[in-house]
All heavy atoms as atom14 arrays in JSON, in Angstrom:
{
  "sequence": "KDGVGTAAITKLPTGLVKAPDGSIWFTDRGFNLIRRISPDLTVTTL",
  "atom14_mask": [
    [1, 1, 1, 1, 1, 1, 1, 1, 1, 0, 0, 0, 0, 0],
    [1, 1, 1, 1, 1, 1, 1, 1, 0, 0, 0, 0, 0, 0],
    [1, 1, 1, 1, 0, 0, 0, 0, 0, 0, 0, 0, 0, 0],
    [1, 1, 1, 1, 1, 1, 1, 0, 0, 0, 0, 0, 0, 0],
    [1, 1, 1, 1, 0, 0, 0, 0, 0, 0, 0, 0, 0, 0],
    [1, 1, 1, 1, 1, 1, 1, 0, 0, 0, 0, 0, 0, 0],
    [1, 1, 1, 1, 1, 0, 0, 0, 0, 0, 0, 0, 0, 0],
    [1, 1, 1, 1, 1, 0, 0, 0, 0, 0, 0, 0, 0, 0],
    [1, 1, 1, 1, 1, 1, 1, 1, 0, 0, 0, 0, 0, 0],
    [1, 1, 1, 1, 1, 1, 1, 0, 0, 0, 0, 0, 0, 0],
    [1, 1, 1, 1, 1, 1, 1, 1, 1, 0, 0, 0, 0, 0],
    [1, 1, 1, 1, 1, 1, 1, 1, 0, 0, 0, 0, 0, 0],
    [1, 1, 1, 1, 1, 1, 1, 0, 0, 0, 0, 0, 0, 0],
    [1, 1, 1, 1, 1, 1, 1, 0, 0, 0, 0, 0, 0, 0],
    [1, 1, 1, 1, 0, 0, 0, 0, 0, 0, 0, 0, 0, 0],
    [1, 1, 1, 1, 1, 1, 1, 1, 0, 0, 0, 0, 0, 0],
    [1, 1, 1, 1, 1, 1, 1, 0, 0, 0, 0, 0, 0, 0],
    [1, 1, 1, 1, 1, 1, 1, 1, 1, 0, 0, 0, 0, 0],
    [1, 1, 1, 1, 1, 0, 0, 0, 0, 0, 0, 0, 0, 0],
    [1, 1, 1, 1, 1, 1, 1, 0, 0, 0, 0, 0, 0, 0],
    [1, 1, 1, 1, 1, 1, 1, 1, 0, 0, 0, 0, 0, 0],
    [1, 1, 1, 1, 0, 0, 0, 0, 0, 0, 0, 0, 0, 0],
    [1, 1, 1, 1, 1, 1, 0, 0, 0, 0, 0, 0, 0, 0],
    [1, 1, 1, 1, 1, 1, 1, 1, 0, 0, 0, 0, 0, 0],
    [1, 1, 1, 1, 1, 1, 1, 1, 1, 1, 1, 1, 1, 1],
    [1, 1, 1, 1, 1, 1, 1, 1, 1, 1, 1, 0, 0, 0],
    [1, 1, 1, 1, 1, 1, 1, 0, 0, 0, 0, 0, 0, 0],
    [1, 1, 1, 1, 1, 1, 1, 1, 0, 0, 0, 0, 0, 0],
    [1, 1, 1, 1, 1, 1, 1, 1, 1, 1, 1, 0, 0, 0],
    [1, 1, 1, 1, 0, 0, 0, 0, 0, 0, 0, 0, 0, 0],
    [1, 1, 1, 1, 1, 1, 1, 1, 1, 1, 1, 0, 0, 0],
    [1, 1, 1, 1, 1, 1, 1, 1, 0, 0, 0, 0, 0, 0],
    [1, 1, 1, 1, 1, 1, 1, 1, 0, 0, 0, 0, 0, 0],
    [1, 1, 1, 1, 1, 1, 1, 1, 0, 0, 0, 0, 0, 0],
    [1, 1, 1, 1, 1, 1, 1, 1, 1, 1, 1, 0, 0, 0],
    [1, 1, 1, 1, 1, 1, 1, 1, 1, 1, 1, 0, 0, 0],
    [1, 1, 1, 1, 1, 1, 1, 1, 0, 0, 0, 0, 0, 0],
    [1, 1, 1, 1, 1, 1, 0, 0, 0, 0, 0, 0, 0, 0],
    [1, 1, 1, 1, 1, 1, 1, 0, 0, 0, 0, 0, 0, 0],
    [1, 1, 1, 1, 1, 1, 1, 1, 0, 0, 0, 0, 0, 0],
    [1, 1, 1, 1, 1, 1, 1, 1, 0, 0, 0, 0, 0, 0],
    [1, 1, 1, 1, 1, 1, 1, 0, 0, 0, 0, 0, 0, 0],
    [1, 1, 1, 1, 1, 1, 1, 0, 0, 0, 0, 0, 0, 0],
    [1, 1, 1, 1, 1, 1, 1, 0, 0, 0, 0, 0, 0, 0],
    [1, 1, 1, 1, 1, 1, 1, 0, 0, 0, 0, 0, 0, 0],
    [1, 1, 1, 1, 1, 1, 1, 1, 0, 0, 0, 0, 0, 0]
  ],
  "atom14_positions": [
    [[7.61, 5.12, 3.87], [8.73, 4.31, 3.38], [8.19, 3.18, 2.52], [7.47, 2.31, 3.0], [9.54, 3.74, 4.55], [10.75, 2.92, 4.09], [11.5, 2.34, 5.28], [12.67, 1.47, 4.81], [13.4, 0.83, 5.95], [0.0, 0.0, 0.0], [0.0, 0.0, 0.0], [0.0, 0.0, 0.0], [0.0, 0.0, 0.0], [0.0, 0.0, 0.0]],
    [[8.52, 3.2, 1.23], [8.18, 2.1, 0.35], [9.2, 0.99, 0.5], [10.28, 1.18, 1.07], [8.12, 2.58, -1.1], [6.93, 3.49, -1.36], [5.99, 3.49, -0.55], [6.96, 4.2, -2.38], [0.0, 0.0, 0.0], [0.0, 0.0, 0.0], [0.0, 0.0, 0.0], [0.0, 0.0, 0.0], [0.0, 0.0, 0.0], [0.0, 0.0, 0.0]],
    [[8.88, -0.18, -0.01], [9.78, -1.32, 0.1], [9.01, -2.6, -0.1], [7.84, -2.6, -0.5], [0.0, 0.0, 0.0], [0.0, 0.0, 0.0], [0.0, 0.0, 0.0], [0.0, 0.0, 0.0], [0.0, 0.0, 0.0], [0.0, 0.0, 0.0], [0.0, 0.0, 0.0], [0.0, 0.0, 0.0], [0.0, 0.0, 0.0], [0.0, 0.0, 0.0]],
    [[9.65, -3.71, 0.2], [9.02, -5.02, 0.03], [8.57, -5.54, 1.39], [9.37, -5.65, 2.32], [9.99, -6.02, -0.63], [9.32, -7.39, -0.76], [10.44, -5.5, -1.99], [0.0, 0.0, 0.0], [0.0, 0.0, 0.0], [0.0, 0.0, 0.0], [0.0, 0.0, 0.0], [0.0, 0.0, 0.0], [0.0, 0.0, 0.0], [0.0, 0.0, 0.0]],
    [[7.28, -5.85, 1.49], [6.75, -6.46, 2.7], [6.94, -5.6, 3.93], [6.64, -4.4, 3.95], [0.0, 0.0, 0.0], [0.0, 0.0, 0.0], [0.0, 0.0, 0.0], [0.0, 0.0, 0.0], [0.0, 0.0, 0.0], [0.0, 0.0, 0.0], [0.0, 0.0, 0.0], [0.0, 0.0, 0.0], [0.0, 0.0, 0.0], [0.0, 0.0, 0.0]],
    [[7.48, -6.21, 4.99], [7.64, -5.51, 6.25], [8.81, -4.52, 6.24], [9.06, -3.86, 7.25], [7.82, -6.52, 7.4], [8.89, -7.41, 7.08], [6.54, -7.33, 7.61], [0.0, 0.0, 0.0], [0.0, 0.0, 0.0], [0.0, 0.0, 0.0], [0.0, 0.0, 0.0], [0.0, 0.0, 0.0], [0.0, 0.0, 0.0], [0.0, 0.0, 0.0]],
    [[9.49, -4.39, 5.12], [10.47, -3.31, 4.98], [9.77, -1.99, 4.69], [10.35, -0.92, 4.89], [11.47, -3.63, 3.87], [0.0, 0.0, 0.0], [0.0, 0.0, 0.0], [0.0, 0.0, 0.0], [0.0, 0.0, 0.0], [0.0, 0.0, 0.0], [0.0, 0.0, 0.0], [0.0, 0.0, 0.0], [0.0, 0.0, 0.0], [0.0, 0.0, 0.0]],
    [[8.54, -2.07, 4.22], [7.74, -0.86, 3.99], [7.07, -0.45, 5.3], [6.73, -1.29, 6.14], [6.68, -1.12, 2.93], [0.0, 0.0, 0.0], [0.0, 0.0, 0.0], [0.0, 0.0, 0.0], [0.0, 0.0, 0.0], [0.0, 0.0, 0.0], [0.0, 0.0, 0.0], [0.0, 0.0, 0.0], [0.0, 0.0, 0.0], [0.0, 0.0, 0.0]],
    [[6.89, 0.86, 5.48], [6.3, 1.37, 6.7], [5.14, 2.28, 6.35], [5.18, 3.03, 5.36], [7.34, 2.13, 7.55], [8.53, 1.21, 7.89], [6.72, 2.65, 8.84], [9.63, 1.89, 8.66], [0.0, 0.0, 0.0], [0.0, 0.0, 0.0], [0.0, 0.0, 0.0], [0.0, 0.0, 0.0], [0.0, 0.0, 0.0], [0.0, 0.0, 0.0]],
    [[4.09, 2.23, 7.15], [2.9, 3.02, 6.93], [2.45, 3.64, 8.24], [3.08, 3.43, 9.29], [1.79, 2.13, 6.32], [0.62, 2.92, 6.1], [1.45, 0.98, 7.25], [0.0, 0.0, 0.0], [0.0, 0.0, 0.0], [0.0, 0.0, 0.0], [0.0, 0.0, 0.0], [0.0, 0.0, 0.0], [0.0, 0.0, 0.0], [0.0, 0.0, 0.0]],
    [[1.37, 4.39, 8.2], [0.79, 4.97, 9.41], [-0.73, 4.99, 9.26], [-1.27, 5.62, 8.36], [1.31, 6.39, 9.66], [0.77, 7.01, 10.96], [1.27, 8.42, 11.16], [0.74, 9.01, 12.46], [1.19, 10.42, 12.65], [0.0, 0.0, 0.0], [0.0, 0.0, 0.0], [0.0, 0.0, 0.0], [0.0, 0.0, 0.0], [0.0, 0.0, 0.0]],
    [[-1.39, 4.31, 10.16], [-2.85, 4.22, 10.16], [-3.42, 3.77, 8.82], [-4.27, 4.44, 8.22], [-3.46, 5.56, 10.57], [-3.12, 6.06, 11.98], [-3.7, 7.45, 12.19], [-3.62, 5.11, 13.04], [0.0, 0.0, 0.0], [0.0, 0.0, 0.0], [0.0, 0.0, 0.0], [0.0, 0.0, 0.0], [0.0, 0.0, 0.0], [0.0, 0.0, 0.0]],
    [[-2.99, 2.62, 8.3], [-3.63, 2.1, 7.08], [-5.11, 1.85, 7.37], [-5.45, 1.27, 8.4], [-2.86, 0.8, 6.82], [-2.34, 0.39, 8.17], [-2.04, 1.66, 8.89], [0.0, 0.0, 0.0], [0.0, 0.0, 0.0], [0.0, 0.0, 0.0], [0.0, 0.0, 0.0], [0.0, 0.0, 0.0], [0.0, 0.0, 0.0], [0.0, 0.0, 0.0]],
    [[-5.96, 2.3, 6.47], [-7.4, 2.29, 6.78], [-8.2, 1.55, 5.71], [-8.77, 0.5, 5.95], [-7.91, 3.73, 6.95], [-7.16, 4.35, 8.01], [-9.39, 3.76, 7.31], [0.0, 0.0, 0.0], [0.0, 0.0, 0.0], [0.0, 0.0, 0.0], [0.0, 0.0, 0.0], [0.0, 0.0, 0.0], [0.0, 0.0, 0.0], [0.0, 0.0, 0.0]],
    [[-8.26, 2.1, 4.49], [-9.0, 1.45, 3.43], [-8.18, 0.38, 2.74], [-6.95, 0.45, 2.7], [0.0, 0.0, 0.0], [0.0, 0.0, 0.0], [0.0, 0.0, 0.0], [0.0, 0.0, 0.0], [0.0, 0.0, 0.0], [0.0, 0.0, 0.0], [0.0, 0.0, 0.0], [0.0, 0.0, 0.0], [0.0, 0.0, 0.0], [0.0, 0.0, 0.0]],
    [[-8.87, -0.62, 2.17], [-8.19, -1.75, 1.53], [-9.09, -2.28, 0.43], [-10.26, -2.57, 0.67], [-7.93, -2.84, 2.58], [-6.88, -3.91, 2.31], [-5.49, -3.31, 2.24], [-6.91, -4.96, 3.43], [0.0, 0.0, 0.0], [0.0, 0.0, 0.0], [0.0, 0.0, 0.0], [0.0, 0.0, 0.0], [0.0, 0.0, 0.0], [0.0, 0.0, 0.0]],
    [[-8.54, -2.4, -0.79], [-9.38, -2.84, -1.9], [-8.52, -3.56, -2.94], [-7.33, -3.27, -3.09], [-10.09, -1.62, -2.54], [-9.1, -0.66, -3.18], [-11.15, -2.05, -3.56], [0.0, 0.0, 0.0], [0.0, 0.0, 0.0], [0.0, 0.0, 0.0], [0.0, 0.0, 0.0], [0.0, 0.0, 0.0], [0.0, 0.0, 0.0], [0.0, 0.0, 0.0]],
    [[-9.14, -4.5, -3.64], [-8.47, -5.22, -4.72], [-8.6, -4.42, -6.0], [-9.7, -4.04, -6.41], [-9.09, -6.6, -4.89], [-8.39, -7.5, -5.9], [-9.06, -8.87, -5.93], [-8.37, -9.81, -6.9], [-9.02, -11.15, -6.91], [0.0, 0.0, 0.0], [0.0, 0.0, 0.0], [0.0, 0.0, 0.0], [0.0, 0.0, 0.0], [0.0, 0.0, 0.0]],
    [[-7.48, -4.15, -6.65], [-7.47, -3.37, -7.89], [-7.76, -4.28, -9.08], [-7.62, -5.51, -9.0], [-6.12, -2.68, -8.07], [0.0, 0.0, 0.0], [0.0, 0.0, 0.0], [0.0, 0.0, 0.0], [0.0, 0.0, 0.0], [0.0, 0.0, 0.0], [0.0, 0.0, 0.0], [0.0, 0.0, 0.0], [0.0, 0.0, 0.0], [0.0, 0.0, 0.0]],
    [[-8.15, -3.71, -10.22], [-8.43, -4.52, -11.41], [-7.26, -5.39, -11.86], [-7.47, -6.45, -12.45], [-8.78, -3.46, -12.47], [-9.31, -2.31, -11.69], [-8.5, -2.29, -10.43], [0.0, 0.0, 0.0], [0.0, 0.0, 0.0], [0.0, 0.0, 0.0], [0.0, 0.0, 0.0], [0.0, 0.0, 0.0], [0.0, 0.0, 0.0], [0.0, 0.0, 0.0]],
    [[-6.01, -4.96, -11.59], [-4.85, -5.74, -12.01], [-4.44, -6.81, -11.0], [-3.43, -7.48, -11.17], [-3.66, -4.82, -12.31], [-3.16, -4.07, -11.08], [-3.75, -4.24, -9.99], [-2.17, -3.32, -11.21], [0.0, 0.0, 0.0], [0.0, 0.0, 0.0], [0.0, 0.0, 0.0], [0.0, 0.0, 0.0], [0.0, 0.0, 0.0], [0.0, 0.0, 0.0]],
    [[-5.22, -6.97, -9.93], [-4.93, -7.97, -8.93], [-4.06, -7.48, -7.78], [-3.87, -8.21, -6.79], [0.0, 0.0, 0.0], [0.0, 0.0, 0.0], [0.0, 0.0, 0.0], [0.0, 0.0, 0.0], [0.0, 0.0, 0.0], [0.0, 0.0, 0.0], [0.0, 0.0, 0.0], [0.0, 0.0, 0.0], [0.0, 0.0, 0.0], [0.0, 0.0, 0.0]],
    [[-3.55, -6.28, -7.88], [-2.8, -5.7, -6.76], [-3.78, -5.25, -5.68], [-5.0, -5.25, -5.88], [-1.94, -4.53, -7.23], [-2.76, -3.47, -7.7], [0.0, 0.0, 0.0], [0.0, 0.0, 0.0], [0.0, 0.0, 0.0], [0.0, 0.0, 0.0], [0.0, 0.0, 0.0], [0.0, 0.0, 0.0], [0.0, 0.0, 0.0], [0.0, 0.0, 0.0]],
    [[-3.24, -4.84, -4.54], [-4.06, -4.34, -3.44], [-3.69, -2.88, -3.2], [-2.52, -2.53, -3.1], [-3.83, -5.16, -2.16], [-4.28, -6.61, -2.37], [-4.59, -4.55, -0.98], [-3.9, -7.54, -1.24], [0.0, 0.0, 0.0], [0.0, 0.0, 0.0], [0.0, 0.0, 0.0], [0.0, 0.0, 0.0], [0.0, 0.0, 0.0], [0.0, 0.0, 0.0]],
    [[-4.7, -2.03, -3.15], [-4.49, -0.62, -2.84], [-4.96, -0.36, -1.42], [-5.97, -0.94, -0.96], [-5.26, 0.27, -3.8], [-4.68, 0.33, -5.19], [-3.95, -0.62, -5.83], [-4.82, 1.42, -6.11], [-3.61, -0.21, -7.09], [-4.13, 1.04, -7.29], [-5.43, 2.66, -6.07], [-4.06, 1.86, -8.42], [-5.38, 3.49, -7.19], [-4.68, 3.09, -8.34]],
    [[-4.25, 0.52, -0.73], [-4.7, 0.9, 0.6], [-4.52, 2.4, 0.83], [-3.68, 3.03, 0.18], [-4.01, 0.08, 1.7], [-2.55, 0.38, 1.92], [-2.13, 1.28, 2.9], [-1.57, -0.28, 1.18], [-0.79, 1.54, 3.12], [-0.22, -0.04, 1.38], [0.18, 0.88, 2.36], [0.0, 0.0, 0.0], [0.0, 0.0, 0.0], [0.0, 0.0, 0.0]],
    [[-5.33, 2.94, 1.71], [-5.22, 4.35, 2.08], [-4.37, 4.46, 3.34], [-4.62, 3.78, 4.33], [-6.59, 4.98, 2.33], [-7.31, 4.21, 3.31], [-7.41, 5.03, 1.06], [0.0, 0.0, 0.0], [0.0, 0.0, 0.0], [0.0, 0.0, 0.0], [0.0, 0.0, 0.0], [0.0, 0.0, 0.0], [0.0, 0.0, 0.0], [0.0, 0.0, 0.0]],
    [[-3.37, 5.31, 3.26], [-2.49, 5.59, 4.4], [-3.02, 6.87, 5.04], [-2.69, 7.98, 4.64], [-1.06, 5.77, 3.9], [-0.05, 5.86, 5.02], [-0.39, 6.44, 6.07], [1.07, 5.35, 4.85], [0.0, 0.0, 0.0], [0.0, 0.0, 0.0], [0.0, 0.0, 0.0], [0.0, 0.0, 0.0], [0.0, 0.0, 0.0], [0.0, 0.0, 0.0]],
    [[-3.88, 6.7, 6.04], [-4.56, 7.84, 6.64], [-3.6, 8.79, 7.35], [-3.8, 10.0, 7.39], [-5.62, 7.34, 7.62], [-6.39, 8.46, 8.29], [-7.59, 8.05, 9.11], [-7.66, 6.73, 9.63], [-7.88, 6.46, 10.93], [-7.97, 7.45, 11.81], [-8.01, 5.22, 11.33], [0.0, 0.0, 0.0], [0.0, 0.0, 0.0], [0.0, 0.0, 0.0]],
    [[-2.54, 8.24, 7.92], [-1.6, 9.08, 8.66], [-0.89, 10.1, 7.8], [-0.51, 11.18, 8.28], [0.0, 0.0, 0.0], [0.0, 0.0, 0.0], [0.0, 0.0, 0.0], [0.0, 0.0, 0.0], [0.0, 0.0, 0.0], [0.0, 0.0, 0.0], [0.0, 0.0, 0.0], [0.0, 0.0, 0.0], [0.0, 0.0, 0.0], [0.0, 0.0, 0.0]],
    [[-0.7, 9.78, 6.49], [0.01, 10.69, 5.6], [-0.82, 11.08, 4.38], [-0.32, 11.74, 3.47], [1.32, 10.05, 5.15], [2.28, 9.78, 6.27], [2.54, 8.49, 6.69], [2.9, 10.83, 6.94], [3.41, 8.23, 7.73], [3.79, 10.58, 7.99], [4.05, 9.29, 8.39], [0.0, 0.0, 0.0], [0.0, 0.0, 0.0], [0.0, 0.0, 0.0]],
    [[-2.12, 10.66, 4.34], [-3.01, 10.99, 3.22], [-2.44, 10.53, 1.87], [-2.4, 11.29, 0.89], [-3.31, 12.49, 3.19], [-4.17, 12.92, 4.36], [-5.2, 12.31, 4.65], [-3.75, 13.96, 5.06], [0.0, 0.0, 0.0], [0.0, 0.0, 0.0], [0.0, 0.0, 0.0], [0.0, 0.0, 0.0], [0.0, 0.0, 0.0], [0.0, 0.0, 0.0]],
    [[-2.02, 9.27, 1.84], [-1.43, 8.69, 0.65], [-2.28, 7.54, 0.13], [-2.9, 6.8, 0.9], [-0.03, 8.15, 0.94], [0.99, 9.14, 1.53], [2.28, 8.4, 1.88], [1.27, 10.27, 0.55], [0.0, 0.0, 0.0], [0.0, 0.0, 0.0], [0.0, 0.0, 0.0], [0.0, 0.0, 0.0], [0.0, 0.0, 0.0], [0.0, 0.0, 0.0]],
    [[-2.3, 7.37, -1.19], [-2.82, 6.15, -1.81], [-1.6, 5.29, -2.15], [-0.67, 5.76, -2.83], [-3.63, 6.47, -3.08], [-4.85, 7.33, -2.72], [-4.08, 5.17, -3.76], [-5.6, 7.84, -3.93], [0.0, 0.0, 0.0], [0.0, 0.0, 0.0], [0.0, 0.0, 0.0], [0.0, 0.0, 0.0], [0.0, 0.0, 0.0], [0.0, 0.0, 0.0]],
    [[-1.62, 4.04, -1.68], [-0.45, 3.18, -1.87], [-0.88, 1.83, -2.44], [-2.03, 1.41, -2.28], [0.32, 3.02, -0.55], [0.7, 4.37, 0.05], [1.39, 4.27, 1.38], [2.78, 3.83, 1.24], [3.61, 3.69, 2.27], [3.2, 3.93, 3.51], [4.86, 3.28, 2.08], [0.0, 0.0, 0.0], [0.0, 0.0, 0.0], [0.0, 0.0, 0.0]],
    [[0.05, 1.16, -3.08], [-0.23, -0.09, -3.81], [0.68, -1.2, -3.32], [1.87, -1.0, -3.1], [-0.02, 0.13, -5.31], [-0.21, -1.09, -6.19], [0.1, -0.73, -7.64], [-0.17, -1.84, -8.57], [0.73, -2.76, -8.9], [1.96, -2.73, -8.37], [0.42, -3.73, -9.75], [0.0, 0.0, 0.0], [0.0, 0.0, 0.0], [0.0, 0.0, 0.0]],
    [[0.1, -2.41, -3.16], [0.87, -3.61, -2.82], [0.8, -4.54, -4.02], [-0.27, -5.02, -4.39], [0.31, -4.32, -1.58], [0.17, -3.34, -0.4], [1.2, -5.5, -1.19], [-0.55, -3.94, 0.79], [0.0, 0.0, 0.0], [0.0, 0.0, 0.0], [0.0, 0.0, 0.0], [0.0, 0.0, 0.0], [0.0, 0.0, 0.0], [0.0, 0.0, 0.0]],
    [[1.93, -4.82, -4.63], [1.97, -5.73, -5.78], [1.93, -7.18, -5.29], [2.1, -7.45, -4.1], [3.24, -5.48, -6.59], [4.38, -5.85, -5.82], [0.0, 0.0, 0.0], [0.0, 0.0, 0.0], [0.0, 0.0, 0.0], [0.0, 0.0, 0.0], [0.0, 0.0, 0.0], [0.0, 0.0, 0.0], [0.0, 0.0, 0.0], [0.0, 0.0, 0.0]],
    [[1.7, -8.12, -6.19], [1.66, -9.52, -5.77], [2.92, -10.01, -5.06], [2.86, -10.93, -4.25], [1.42, -10.27, -7.09], [0.67, -9.29, -7.93], [1.26, -7.95, -7.59], [0.0, 0.0, 0.0], [0.0, 0.0, 0.0], [0.0, 0.0, 0.0], [0.0, 0.0, 0.0], [0.0, 0.0, 0.0], [0.0, 0.0, 0.0], [0.0, 0.0, 0.0]],
    [[4.08, -9.4, -5.36], [5.31, -9.8, -4.66], [5.54, -8.98, -3.39], [6.62, -8.99, -2.82], [6.52, -9.68, -5.59], [6.85, -8.24, -5.98], [6.09, -7.33, -5.59], [7.87, -8.02, -6.67], [0.0, 0.0, 0.0], [0.0, 0.0, 0.0], [0.0, 0.0, 0.0], [0.0, 0.0, 0.0], [0.0, 0.0, 0.0], [0.0, 0.0, 0.0]],
    [[4.49, -8.25, -2.95], [4.47, -7.46, -1.72], [5.31, -6.19, -1.78], [5.64, -5.61, -0.75], [4.89, -8.31, -0.5], [4.03, -9.54, -0.2], [4.49, -10.21, 1.09], [2.56, -9.16, -0.1], [0.0, 0.0, 0.0], [0.0, 0.0, 0.0], [0.0, 0.0, 0.0], [0.0, 0.0, 0.0], [0.0, 0.0, 0.0], [0.0, 0.0, 0.0]],
    [[5.64, -5.74, -2.98], [6.31, -4.45, -3.12], [5.29, -3.33, -2.89], [4.26, -3.28, -3.56], [6.94, -4.3, -4.5], [7.93, -5.31, -4.67], [7.6, -2.93, -4.64], [0.0, 0.0, 0.0], [0.0, 0.0, 0.0], [0.0, 0.0, 0.0], [0.0, 0.0, 0.0], [0.0, 0.0, 0.0], [0.0, 0.0, 0.0], [0.0, 0.0, 0.0]],
    [[5.6, -2.45, -1.96], [4.71, -1.33, -1.64], [5.21, -0.08, -2.36], [6.38, 0.29, -2.23], [4.66, -1.09, -0.12], [3.79, 0.14, 0.19], [4.11, -2.32, 0.6], [0.0, 0.0, 0.0], [0.0, 0.0, 0.0], [0.0, 0.0, 0.0], [0.0, 0.0, 0.0], [0.0, 0.0, 0.0], [0.0, 0.0, 0.0], [0.0, 0.0, 0.0]],
    [[4.31, 0.56, -3.09], [4.63, 1.76, -3.85], [3.63, 2.86, -3.52], [2.42, 2.62, -3.51], [4.58, 1.49, -5.37], [5.41, 0.38, -5.69], [5.04, 2.71, -6.15], [0.0, 0.0, 0.0], [0.0, 0.0, 0.0], [0.0, 0.0, 0.0], [0.0, 0.0, 0.0], [0.0, 0.0, 0.0], [0.0, 0.0, 0.0], [0.0, 0.0, 0.0]],
    [[4.12, 4.05, -3.26], [3.23, 5.19, -3.04], [2.82, 5.76, -4.39], [3.66, 6.13, -5.21], [3.94, 6.27, -2.2], [4.27, 5.72, -0.92], [3.04, 7.48, -2.01], [0.0, 0.0, 0.0], [0.0, 0.0, 0.0], [0.0, 0.0, 0.0], [0.0, 0.0, 0.0], [0.0, 0.0, 0.0], [0.0, 0.0, 0.0], [0.0, 0.0, 0.0]],
    [[1.51, 5.84, -4.61], [0.98, 6.31, -5.89], [0.68, 7.8, -5.9], [0.94, 8.48, -6.9], [-0.3, 5.54, -6.23], [-0.15, 4.01, -6.36], [-1.52, 3.39, -6.6], [0.81, 3.65, -7.47], [0.0, 0.0, 0.0], [0.0, 0.0, 0.0], [0.0, 0.0, 0.0], [0.0, 0.0, 0.0], [0.0, 0.0, 0.0], [0.0, 0.0, 0.0]]
  ]
}
């Protein structure tokens, strides 16, 4: 579930890294997804 902040839901977030554009990317191990957190905390599945 994408969304803003705690409205977004994940499962077993594992990896975490700062992207070149200043956003944060994380690996959602539970669903094998690469996801992005924007500076306003909007979570998007990539």
